[in-house]
PDB file of N, CA and C in Angstrom:
ATOM      1  N   MET A   1     168.455  67.482  85.476  1.00  0.00           N
ATOM      2  CA  MET A   1     167.358  68.426  85.326  1.00  0.00           C
ATOM      3  C   MET A   1     166.433  67.984  84.180  1.00  0.00           C
ATOM      4  N   MET A   2     167.008  67.457  83.116  1.00  0.00           N
ATOM      5  CA  MET A   2     166.208  67.029  81.969  1.00  0.00           C
ATOM      6  C   MET A   2     165.286  65.875  82.342  1.00  0.00           C
ATOM      7  N   LYS A   3     165.765  64.946  83.187  1.00  0.00           N
ATOM      8  CA  LYS A   3     164.926  63.829  83.625  1.00  0.00           C
ATOM      9  C   LYS A   3     163.748  64.334  84.452  1.00  0.00           C
ATOM     10  N   PHE A   4     164.005  65.355  85.271  1.00  0.00           N
ATOM     11  CA  PHE A   4     162.949  65.924  86.096  1.00  0.00           C
ATOM     12  C   PHE A   4     161.860  66.554  85.224  1.00  0.00           C
ATOM     13  N   ILE A   5     162.245  67.310  84.242  1.00  0.00           N
ATOM     14  CA  ILE A   5     161.286  67.945  83.328  1.00  0.00           C
ATOM     15  C   ILE A   5     160.512  66.889  82.555  1.00  0.00           C
ATOM     16  N   LEU A   6     161.224  65.866  82.112  1.00  0.00           N
ATOM     17  CA  LEU A   6     160.570  64.775  81.391  1.00  0.00           C
ATOM     18  C   LEU A   6     159.556  64.057  82.286  1.00  0.00           C
ATOM     19  N   ALA A   7     159.900  63.841  83.540  1.00  0.00           N
ATOM     20  CA  ALA A   7     158.989  63.184  84.482  1.00  0.00           C
ATOM     21  C   ALA A   7     157.745  64.034  84.713  1.00  0.00           C
ATOM     22  N   ILE A   8     157.906  65.331  84.831  1.00  0.00           N
ATOM     23  CA  ILE A   8     156.758  66.227  85.018  1.00  0.00           C
ATOM     24  C   ILE A   8     155.866  66.213  83.781  1.00  0.00           C
ATOM     25  N   MET A   9     156.471  66.263  82.606  1.00  0.00           N
ATOM     26  CA  MET A   9     155.696  66.251  81.365  1.00  0.00           C
ATOM     27  C   MET A   9     154.918  64.939  81.225  1.00  0.00           C
ATOM     28  N   LEU A  10     155.530  63.834  81.572  1.00  0.00           N
ATOM     29  CA  LEU A  10     154.869  62.536  81.501  1.00  0.00           C
ATOM     30  C   LEU A  10     153.716  62.463  82.501  1.00  0.00           C
ATOM     31  N   SER A  11     153.925  62.989  83.712  1.00  0.00           N
ATOM     32  CA  SER A  11     152.863  63.002  84.725  1.00  0.00           C
ATOM     33  C   SER A  11     151.677  63.836  84.264  1.00  0.00           C
ATOM     34  N   VAL A  12     151.937  64.987  83.682  1.00  0.00           N
ATOM     35  CA  VAL A  12     150.869  65.851  83.185  1.00  0.00           C
ATOM     36  C   VAL A  12     150.113  65.155  82.062  1.00  0.00           C
ATOM     37  N   LEU A  13     150.836  64.480  81.200  1.00  0.00           N
ATOM     38  CA  LEU A  13     150.200  63.764  80.094  1.00  0.00           C
ATOM     39  C   LEU A  13     149.279  62.661  80.614  1.00  0.00           C
ATOM     40  N   ILE A  14     149.752  61.891  81.573  1.00  0.00           N
ATOM     41  CA  ILE A  14     148.955  60.788  82.120  1.00  0.00           C
ATOM     42  C   ILE A  14     147.760  61.325  82.895  1.00  0.00           C
ATOM     43  N   LEU A  15     147.977  62.312  83.767  1.00  0.00           N
ATOM     44  CA  LEU A  15     146.878  62.864  84.555  1.00  0.00           C
ATOM     45  C   LEU A  15     145.906  63.652  83.690  1.00  0.00           C
ATOM     46  N   GLY A  16     146.391  64.229  82.621  1.00  0.00           N
ATOM     47  CA  GLY A  16     145.538  64.989  81.715  1.00  0.00           C
ATOM     48  C   GLY A  16     144.538  64.108  81.000  1.00  0.00           C
ATOM     49  N   CYS A  17     144.750  62.820  80.975  1.00  0.00           N
ATOM     50  CA  CYS A  17     143.850  61.894  80.292  1.00  0.00           C
ATOM     51  C   CYS A  17     142.800  61.307  81.226  1.00  0.00           C
ATOM     52  N   ALA A  18     142.808  61.692  82.503  1.00  0.00           N
ATOM     53  CA  ALA A  18     141.823  61.195  83.452  1.00  0.00           C
ATOM     54  C   ALA A  18     140.553  62.026  83.311  1.00  0.00           C
ATOM     55  N   VAL A  19     139.426  61.382  83.053  1.00  0.00           N
ATOM     56  CA  VAL A  19     138.161  62.086  82.869  1.00  0.00           C
ATOM     57  C   VAL A  19     137.045  61.373  83.632  1.00  0.00           C
ATOM     58  N   THR A  20     136.023  62.138  83.989  1.00  0.00           N
ATOM     59  CA  THR A  20     134.819  61.573  84.590  1.00  0.00           C
ATOM     60  C   THR A  20     133.716  61.642  83.547  1.00  0.00           C
ATOM     61  N   LYS A  21     133.062  60.543  83.323  1.00  0.00           N
ATOM     62  CA  LYS A  21     131.972  60.464  82.349  1.00  0.00           C
ATOM     63  C   LYS A  21     130.659  60.232  83.066  1.00  0.00           C
ATOM     64  N   VAL A  22     129.619  60.881  82.563  1.00  0.00           N
ATOM     65  CA  VAL A  22     128.255  60.677  83.058  1.00  0.00           C
ATOM     66  C   VAL A  22     127.452  60.139  81.882  1.00  0.00           C
ATOM     67  N   PRO A  23     126.997  58.893  81.953  1.00  0.00           N
ATOM     68  CA  PRO A  23     126.196  58.345  80.857  1.00  0.00           C
ATOM     69  C   PRO A  23     124.920  59.163  80.645  1.00  0.00           C
ATOM     70  N   VAL A  24     124.500  59.260  79.393  1.00  0.00           N
ATOM     71  CA  VAL A  24     123.294  60.000  79.045  1.00  0.00           C
ATOM     72  C   VAL A  24     122.217  59.034  78.559  1.00  0.00           C
ATOM     73  N   VAL A  25     120.970  59.419  78.761  1.00  0.00           N
ATOM     74  CA  VAL A  25     119.847  58.611  78.294  1.00  0.00           C
ATOM     75  C   VAL A  25     119.770  58.740  76.772  1.00  0.00           C
ATOM     76  N   ILE A  26     119.719  57.591  76.089  1.00  0.00           N
ATOM     77  CA  ILE A  26     119.645  57.605  74.626  1.00  0.00           C
ATOM     78  C   ILE A  26     118.360  56.975  74.090  1.00  0.00           C
ATOM     79  N   GLY A  27     117.537  56.443  74.986  1.00  0.00           N
ATOM     80  CA  GLY A  27     116.299  55.827  74.522  1.00  0.00           C
ATOM     81  C   GLY A  27     115.725  54.926  75.586  1.00  0.00           C
ATOM     82  N   GLY A  28     114.771  54.131  75.158  1.00  0.00           N
ATOM     83  CA  GLY A  28     114.138  53.207  76.072  1.00  0.00           C
ATOM     84  C   GLY A  28     112.825  52.728  75.500  1.00  0.00           C
ATOM     85  N   SER A  29     112.115  51.963  76.292  1.00  0.00           N
ATOM     86  CA  SER A  29     110.828  51.422  75.867  1.00  0.00           C
ATOM     87  C   SER A  29     109.853  51.475  77.034  1.00  0.00           C
ATOM     88  N   ARG A  30     108.814  52.264  76.856  1.00  0.00           N
ATOM     89  CA  ARG A  30     107.786  52.327  77.893  1.00  0.00           C
ATOM     90  C   ARG A  30     107.100  50.968  78.046  1.00  0.00           C
ATOM     91  N   ALA A  31     106.836  50.311  76.915  1.00  0.00           N
ATOM     92  CA  ALA A  31     106.164  48.999  76.944  1.00  0.00           C
ATOM     93  C   ALA A  31     106.990  47.954  77.693  1.00  0.00           C
ATOM     94  N   ASP A  32     108.309  47.978  77.503  1.00  0.00           N
ATOM     95  CA  ASP A  32     109.192  47.021  78.180  1.00  0.00           C
ATOM     96  C   ASP A  32     109.645  47.525  79.545  1.00  0.00           C
ATOM     97  N   GLY A  33     109.446  48.814  79.809  1.00  0.00           N
ATOM     98  CA  GLY A  33     109.900  49.396  81.064  1.00  0.00           C
ATOM     99  C   GLY A  33     111.411  49.444  81.155  1.00  0.00           C
ATOM    100  N   THR A  34     112.070  49.823  80.061  1.00  0.00           N
ATOM    101  CA  THR A  34     113.531  49.898  80.072  1.00  0.00           C
ATOM    102  C   THR A  34     113.994  51.283  79.627  1.00  0.00           C
ATOM    103  N   VAL A  35     115.131  51.697  80.169  1.00  0.00           N
ATOM    104  CA  VAL A  35     115.770  52.959  79.806  1.00  0.00           C
ATOM    105  C   VAL A  35     117.200  52.633  79.395  1.00  0.00           C
ATOM    106  N   ASP A  36     117.628  53.136  78.236  1.00  0.00           N
ATOM    107  CA  ASP A  36     118.973  52.883  77.713  1.00  0.00           C
ATOM    108  C   ASP A  36     119.847  54.119  77.885  1.00  0.00           C
ATOM    109  N   THR A  37     121.085  53.894  78.326  1.00  0.00           N
ATOM    110  CA  THR A  37     122.043  54.984  78.508  1.00  0.00           C
ATOM    111  C   THR A  37     123.372  54.599  77.871  1.00  0.00           C
ATOM    112  N   MET A  38     124.221  55.608  77.635  1.00  0.00           N
ATOM    113  CA  MET A  38     125.541  55.319  77.070  1.00  0.00           C
ATOM    114  C   MET A  38     126.517  56.443  77.361  1.00  0.00           C
ATOM    115  N   TYR A  39     127.803  56.097  77.255  1.00  0.00           N
ATOM    116  CA  TYR A  39     128.879  57.084  77.259  1.00  0.00           C
ATOM    117  C   TYR A  39     129.997  56.560  76.378  1.00  0.00           C
ATOM    118  N   THR A  40     130.784  57.478  75.868  1.00  0.00           N
ATOM    119  CA  THR A  40     131.946  57.113  75.058  1.00  0.00           C
ATOM    120  C   THR A  40     133.196  57.679  75.725  1.00  0.00           C
ATOM    121  N   TYR A  41     134.322  57.125  75.356  1.00  0.00           N
ATOM    122  CA  TYR A  41     135.580  57.664  75.858  1.00  0.00           C
ATOM    123  C   TYR A  41     136.678  57.400  74.847  1.00  0.00           C
ATOM    124  N   GLY A  42     137.720  58.208  74.936  1.00  0.00           N
ATOM    125  CA  GLY A  42     138.869  58.042  74.058  1.00  0.00           C
ATOM    126  C   GLY A  42     139.710  56.859  74.479  1.00  0.00           C
ATOM    127  N   THR A  43     140.409  56.299  73.535  1.00  0.00           N
ATOM    128  CA  THR A  43     141.205  55.105  73.765  1.00  0.00           C
ATOM    129  C   THR A  43     142.223  55.282  74.887  1.00  0.00           C
ATOM    130  N   LEU A  44     142.831  56.455  74.994  1.00  0.00           N
ATOM    131  CA  LEU A  44     143.885  56.678  75.987  1.00  0.00           C
ATOM    132  C   LEU A  44     143.378  57.310  77.266  1.00  0.00           C
ATOM    133  N   GLN A  45     142.076  57.485  77.403  1.00  0.00           N
ATOM    134  CA  GLN A  45     141.533  58.124  78.592  1.00  0.00           C
ATOM    135  C   GLN A  45     141.390  57.134  79.745  1.00  0.00           C
ATOM    136  N   ASN A  46     141.698  57.627  80.931  1.00  0.00           N
ATOM    137  CA  ASN A  46     141.482  56.888  82.172  1.00  0.00           C
ATOM    138  C   ASN A  46     140.128  57.352  82.697  1.00  0.00           C
ATOM    139  N   VAL A  47     139.102  56.521  82.609  1.00  0.00           N
ATOM    140  CA  VAL A  47     137.726  56.940  82.842  1.00  0.00           C
ATOM    141  C   VAL A  47     137.215  56.539  84.217  1.00  0.00           C
ATOM    142  N   THR A  48     136.568  57.495  84.874  1.00  0.00           N
ATOM    143  CA  THR A  48     135.783  57.251  86.074  1.00  0.00           C
ATOM    144  C   THR A  48     134.345  57.556  85.680  1.00  0.00           C
ATOM    145  N   VAL A  49     133.421  56.671  86.031  1.00  0.00           N
ATOM    146  CA  VAL A  49     132.030  56.845  85.627  1.00  0.00           C
ATOM    147  C   VAL A  49     131.194  57.255  86.830  1.00  0.00           C
ATOM    148  N   ASP A  50     130.442  58.345  86.671  1.00  0.00           N
ATOM    149  CA  ASP A  50     129.531  58.825  87.712  1.00  0.00           C
ATOM    150  C   ASP A  50     128.117  58.434  87.303  1.00  0.00           C
ATOM    151  N   MET A  51     127.584  57.382  87.912  1.00  0.00           N
ATOM    152  CA  MET A  51     126.261  56.871  87.550  1.00  0.00           C
ATOM    153  C   MET A  51     125.127  57.564  88.303  1.00  0.00           C
ATOM    154  N   ILE A  52     125.421  58.346  89.315  1.00  0.00           N
ATOM    155  CA  ILE A  52     124.364  58.946  90.136  1.00  0.00           C
ATOM    156  C   ILE A  52     123.424  59.835  89.320  1.00  0.00           C
ATOM    157  N   PRO A  53     123.927  60.783  88.493  1.00  0.00           N
ATOM    158  CA  PRO A  53     122.999  61.587  87.697  1.00  0.00           C
ATOM    159  C   PRO A  53     122.193  60.741  86.703  1.00  0.00           C
ATOM    160  N   THR A  54     122.815  59.685  86.192  1.00  0.00           N
ATOM    161  CA  THR A  54     122.130  58.807  85.243  1.00  0.00           C
ATOM    162  C   THR A  54     121.046  58.004  85.948  1.00  0.00           C
ATOM    163  N   ASP A  55     121.333  57.526  87.164  1.00  0.00           N
ATOM    164  CA  ASP A  55     120.321  56.828  87.955  1.00  0.00           C
ATOM    165  C   ASP A  55     119.107  57.731  88.173  1.00  0.00           C
ATOM    166  N   LYS A  56     119.359  59.004  88.508  1.00  0.00           N
ATOM    167  CA  LYS A  56     118.271  59.950  88.756  1.00  0.00           C
ATOM    168  C   LYS A  56     117.454  60.196  87.484  1.00  0.00           C
ATOM    169  N   ALA A  57     118.138  60.323  86.349  1.00  0.00           N
ATOM    170  CA  ALA A  57     117.435  60.550  85.076  1.00  0.00           C
ATOM    171  C   ALA A  57     116.575  59.345  84.709  1.00  0.00           C
ATOM    172  N   ALA A  58     117.124  58.147  84.880  1.00  0.00           N
ATOM    173  CA  ALA A  58     116.365  56.930  84.571  1.00  0.00           C
ATOM    174  C   ALA A  58     115.165  56.794  85.499  1.00  0.00           C
ATOM    175  N   LEU A  59     115.347  57.092  86.778  1.00  0.00           N
ATOM    176  CA  LEU A  59     114.239  57.022  87.731  1.00  0.00           C
ATOM    177  C   LEU A  59     113.143  58.016  87.367  1.00  0.00           C
ATOM    178  N   SER A  60     113.535  59.201  86.954  1.00  0.00           N
ATOM    179  CA  SER A  60     112.566  60.222  86.556  1.00  0.00           C
ATOM    180  C   SER A  60     111.720  59.740  85.374  1.00  0.00           C
ATOM    181  N   ILE A  61     112.372  59.126  84.396  1.00  0.00           N
ATOM    182  CA  ILE A  61     111.652  58.604  83.228  1.00  0.00           C
ATOM    183  C   ILE A  61     110.705  57.487  83.649  1.00  0.00           C
ATOM    184  N   CYS A  62     111.196  56.567  84.463  1.00  0.00           N
ATOM    185  CA  CYS A  62     110.357  55.447  84.910  1.00  0.00           C
ATOM    186  C   CYS A  62     109.155  55.946  85.711  1.00  0.00           C
ATOM    187  N   LYS A  63     109.360  56.942  86.564  1.00  0.00           N
ATOM    188  CA  LYS A  63     108.244  57.491  87.334  1.00  0.00           C
ATOM    189  C   LYS A  63     107.215  58.144  86.416  1.00  0.00           C
ATOM    190  N   ARG A  64     107.683  58.813  85.367  1.00  0.00           N
ATOM    191  CA  ARG A  64     106.766  59.419  84.393  1.00  0.00           C
ATOM    192  C   ARG A  64     105.916  58.344  83.720  1.00  0.00           C
ATOM    193  N   TRP A  65     106.470  57.154  83.579  1.00  0.00           N
ATOM    194  CA  TRP A  65     105.763  56.033  82.954  1.00  0.00           C
ATOM    195  C   TRP A  65     104.898  55.265  83.946  1.00  0.00           C
ATOM    196  N   GLY A  66     104.894  55.670  85.224  1.00  0.00           N
ATOM    197  CA  GLY A  66     104.046  55.030  86.209  1.00  0.00           C
ATOM    198  C   GLY A  66     104.730  53.995  87.088  1.00  0.00           C
ATOM    199  N   TYR A  67     106.028  53.856  86.971  1.00  0.00           N
ATOM    200  CA  TYR A  67     106.776  52.922  87.817  1.00  0.00           C
ATOM    201  C   TYR A  67     107.276  53.654  89.057  1.00  0.00           C
ATOM    202  N   THR A  68     107.702  52.904  90.051  1.00  0.00           N
ATOM    203  CA  THR A  68     108.138  53.530  91.297  1.00  0.00           C
ATOM    204  C   THR A  68     109.645  53.469  91.539  1.00  0.00           C
ATOM    205  N   ASP A  69     110.351  52.605  90.809  1.00  0.00           N
ATOM    206  CA  ASP A  69     111.784  52.452  91.091  1.00  0.00           C
ATOM    207  C   ASP A  69     112.496  51.912  89.854  1.00  0.00           C
ATOM    208  N   ILE A  70     113.812  51.798  89.954  1.00  0.00           N
ATOM    209  CA  ILE A  70     114.640  51.274  88.858  1.00  0.00           C
ATOM    210  C   ILE A  70     115.606  50.232  89.383  1.00  0.00           C
ATOM    211  N   GLU A  71     116.043  49.388  88.480  1.00  0.00           N
ATOM    212  CA  GLU A  71     117.163  48.486  88.743  1.00  0.00           C
ATOM    213  C   GLU A  71     118.085  48.572  87.538  1.00  0.00           C
ATOM    214  N   ARG A  72     119.359  48.827  87.807  1.00  0.00           N
ATOM    215  CA  ARG A  72     120.343  48.884  86.716  1.00  0.00           C
ATOM    216  C   ARG A  72     120.842  47.470  86.456  1.00  0.00           C
ATOM    217  N   PHE A  73     120.887  47.093  85.199  1.00  0.00           N
ATOM    218  CA  PHE A  73     121.464  45.793  84.865  1.00  0.00           C
ATOM    219  C   PHE A  73     122.909  45.795  85.347  1.00  0.00           C
ATOM    220  N   PRO A  74     123.417  44.654  85.844  1.00  0.00           N
ATOM    221  CA  PRO A  74     124.713  44.621  86.520  1.00  0.00           C
ATOM    222  C   PRO A  74     125.917  45.032  85.673  1.00  0.00           C
ATOM    223  N   SER A  75     125.860  44.824  84.384  1.00  0.00           N
ATOM    224  CA  SER A  75     127.017  45.224  83.574  1.00  0.00           C
ATOM    225  C   SER A  75     126.533  45.803  82.250  1.00  0.00           C
ATOM    226  N   GLY A  76     127.335  46.671  81.714  1.00  0.00           N
ATOM    227  CA  GLY A  76     127.004  47.276  80.436  1.00  0.00           C
ATOM    228  C   GLY A  76     127.595  46.484  79.283  1.00  0.00           C
ATOM    229  N   THR A  77     127.252  46.918  78.088  1.00  0.00           N
ATOM    230  CA  THR A  77     127.836  46.303  76.900  1.00  0.00           C
ATOM    231  C   THR A  77     128.785  47.299  76.252  1.00  0.00           C
ATOM    232  N   ARG A  78     129.814  46.794  75.622  1.00  0.00           N
ATOM    233  CA  ARG A  78     130.844  47.638  75.004  1.00  0.00           C
ATOM    234  C   ARG A  78     130.814  47.446  73.498  1.00  0.00           C
ATOM    235  N   GLU A  79     130.766  48.561  72.786  1.00  0.00           N
ATOM    236  CA  GLU A  79     130.841  48.552  71.332  1.00  0.00           C
ATOM    237  C   GLU A  79     131.975  49.472  70.919  1.00  0.00           C
ATOM    238  N   CYS A  80     132.487  49.268  69.732  1.00  0.00           N
ATOM    239  CA  CYS A  80     133.567  50.114  69.233  1.00  0.00           C
ATOM    240  C   CYS A  80     133.028  51.107  68.222  1.00  0.00           C
ATOM    241  N   GLY A  81     133.446  52.357  68.371  1.00  0.00           N
ATOM    242  CA  GLY A  81     133.055  53.388  67.411  1.00  0.00           C
ATOM    243  C   GLY A  81     133.806  53.237  66.105  1.00  0.00           C
ATOM    244  N   GLY A  82     134.889  52.509  66.125  1.00  0.00           N
ATOM    245  CA  GLY A  82     135.707  52.269  64.939  1.00  0.00           C
ATOM    246  C   GLY A  82     136.900  51.413  65.322  1.00  0.00           C
ATOM    247  N   TYR A  83     137.711  51.129  64.347  1.00  0.00           N
ATOM    248  CA  TYR A  83     138.881  50.270  64.577  1.00  0.00           C
ATOM    249  C   TYR A  83     140.112  50.901  63.952  1.00  0.00           C
ATOM    250  N   ASP A  84     141.257  50.737  64.610  1.00  0.00           N
ATOM    251  CA  ASP A  84     142.499  51.242  64.036  1.00  0.00           C
ATOM    252  C   ASP A  84     143.060  50.223  63.042  1.00  0.00           C
ATOM    253  N   TYR A  85     144.203  50.532  62.472  1.00  0.00           N
ATOM    254  CA  TYR A  85     144.781  49.678  61.432  1.00  0.00           C
ATOM    255  C   TYR A  85     145.179  48.293  61.931  1.00  0.00           C
ATOM    256  N   LYS A  86     145.302  48.139  63.247  1.00  0.00           N
ATOM    257  CA  LYS A  86     145.634  46.827  63.810  1.00  0.00           C
ATOM    258  C   LYS A  86     144.379  46.069  64.266  1.00  0.00           C
ATOM    259  N   GLY A  87     143.217  46.670  64.081  1.00  0.00           N
ATOM    260  CA  GLY A  87     141.973  46.038  64.507  1.00  0.00           C
ATOM    261  C   GLY A  87     141.590  46.351  65.941  1.00  0.00           C
ATOM    262  N   GLY A  88     142.319  47.279  66.569  1.00  0.00           N
ATOM    263  CA  GLY A  88     142.009  47.662  67.946  1.00  0.00           C
ATOM    264  C   GLY A  88     140.823  48.613  68.010  1.00  0.00           C
ATOM    265  N   CYS A  89     140.108  48.570  69.086  1.00  0.00           N
ATOM    266  CA  CYS A  89     138.920  49.396  69.289  1.00  0.00           C
ATOM    267  C   CYS A  89     139.299  50.867  69.460  1.00  0.00           C
ATOM    268  N   VAL A  90     138.620  51.728  68.721  1.00  0.00           N
ATOM    269  CA  VAL A  90     138.802  53.172  68.827  1.00  0.00           C
ATOM    270  C   VAL A  90     137.465  53.775  69.253  1.00  0.00           C
ATOM    271  N   ASP A  91     137.490  54.702  70.178  1.00  0.00           N
ATOM    272  CA  ASP A  91     136.282  55.363  70.681  1.00  0.00           C
ATOM    273  C   ASP A  91     135.232  54.374  71.192  1.00  0.00           C
ATOM    274  N   PRO A  92     135.560  53.620  72.229  1.00  0.00           N
ATOM    275  CA  PRO A  92     134.599  52.658  72.780  1.00  0.00           C
ATOM    276  C   PRO A  92     133.325  53.356  73.279  1.00  0.00           C
ATOM    277  N   GLN A  93     132.219  52.666  73.141  1.00  0.00           N
ATOM    278  CA  GLN A  93     130.921  53.142  73.631  1.00  0.00           C
ATOM    279  C   GLN A  93     130.396  52.106  74.615  1.00  0.00           C
ATOM    280  N   ILE A  94     130.044  52.566  75.810  1.00  0.00           N
ATOM    281  CA  ILE A  94     129.517  51.674  76.842  1.00  0.00           C
ATOM    282  C   ILE A  94     128.026  51.961  77.007  1.00  0.00           C
ATOM    283  N   ASN A  95     127.220  50.912  76.891  1.00  0.00           N
ATOM    284  CA  ASN A  95     125.768  51.037  77.022  1.00  0.00           C
ATOM    285  C   ASN A  95     125.308  50.355  78.303  1.00  0.00           C
ATOM    286  N   HIS A  96     124.421  51.019  79.026  1.00  0.00           N
ATOM    287  CA  HIS A  96     123.809  50.450  80.235  1.00  0.00           C
ATOM    288  C   HIS A  96     122.304  50.470  80.062  1.00  0.00           C
ATOM    289  N   LYS A  97     121.646  49.502  80.652  1.00  0.00           N
ATOM    290  CA  LYS A  97     120.187  49.412  80.582  1.00  0.00           C
ATOM    291  C   LYS A  97     119.630  49.386  81.998  1.00  0.00           C
ATOM    292  N   TYR A  98     118.516  50.088  82.163  1.00  0.00           N
ATOM    293  CA  TYR A  98     117.782  50.101  83.423  1.00  0.00           C
ATOM    294  C   TYR A  98     116.437  49.424  83.213  1.00  0.00           C
ATOM    295  N   GLN A  99     115.974  48.727  84.244  1.00  0.00           N
ATOM    296  CA  GLN A  99     114.631  48.146  84.237  1.00  0.00           C
ATOM    297  C   GLN A  99     113.774  48.964  85.201  1.00  0.00           C
ATOM    298  N   CYS A 100     112.650  49.451  84.713  1.00  0.00           N
ATOM    299  CA  CYS A 100     111.687  50.121  85.585  1.00  0.00           C
ATOM    300  C   CYS A 100     110.935  49.042  86.359  1.00  0.00           C
ATOM    301  N   VAL A 101     110.769  49.250  87.651  1.00  0.00           N
ATOM    302  CA  VAL A 101     110.078  48.265  88.497  1.00  0.00           C
ATOM    303  C   VAL A 101     109.095  48.990  89.414  1.00  0.00           C
ATOM    304  N   ASN A 102     108.173  48.241  89.954  1.00  0.00           N
ATOM    305  CA  ASN A 102     107.196  48.820  90.882  1.00  0.00           C
ATOM    306  C   ASN A 102     107.528  48.545  92.325  1.00  0.00           C
ATOM    307  N   GLU A 103     108.644  47.863  92.556  1.00  0.00           N
ATOM    308  CA  GLU A 103     109.037  47.555  93.921  1.00  0.00           C
ATOM    309  C   GLU A 103     110.554  47.442  93.948  1.00  0.00           C
ATOM    310  N   SER A 104     111.194  48.105  94.868  1.00  0.00           N
ATOM    311  CA  SER A 104     112.640  48.049  94.977  1.00  0.00           C
ATOM    312  C   SER A 104     113.074  46.734  95.606  1.00  0.00           C
ATOM    313  N   LYS A 105     114.164  46.163  95.098  1.00  0.00           N
ATOM    314  CA  LYS A 105     114.738  44.983  95.737  1.00  0.00           C
ATOM    315  C   LYS A 105     115.128  45.286  97.184  1.00  0.00           C
ATOM    316  N   LEU A 106     115.615  46.493  97.401  1.00  0.00           N
ATOM    317  CA  LEU A 106     116.091  46.860  98.729  1.00  0.00           C
ATOM    318  C   LEU A 106     114.959  46.864  99.742  1.00  0.00           C
ATOM    319  N   SER A 107     113.736  47.210  99.307  1.00  0.00           N
ATOM    320  CA  SER A 107     112.628  47.286 100.264  1.00  0.00           C
ATOM    321  C   SER A 107     112.147  45.901 100.689  1.00  0.00           C
ATOM    322  N   ASN A 108     112.569  44.850  99.974  1.00  0.00           N
ATOM    323  CA  ASN A 108     112.155  43.492 100.317  1.00  0.00           C
ATOM    324  C   ASN A 108     113.093  42.818 101.302  1.00  0.00           C
ATOM    325  N   GLU A 109     114.197  43.448 101.604  1.00  0.00           N
ATOM    326  CA  GLU A 109     115.192  42.801 102.465  1.00  0.00           C
ATOM    327  C   GLU A 109     114.900  43.032 103.920  1.00  0.00           C
TER     328      GLU A 109
END
């Protein structure tokens, strides 16, 4: 019985660390036609990222600047919010950049 309770507690602990993150707009450059976004997560969190709301926010900003579409750079950059005593990354921050464009790649195919 004790093993069963321990297994349930471990499952709850692992599943309790699963989170969905939505990156937020943190800046950009109208002159360069770029929009910057980011999200952070805890070291022990199992993260799923929902980019759809962020794509919509970036597109809205680009349209306000006179562009018609966006392209997300293929990969983000990772920075550490701090380091533990062993030098491991604590509170990672993931940054993504969007390029405002006047023509979608998809429309050219």
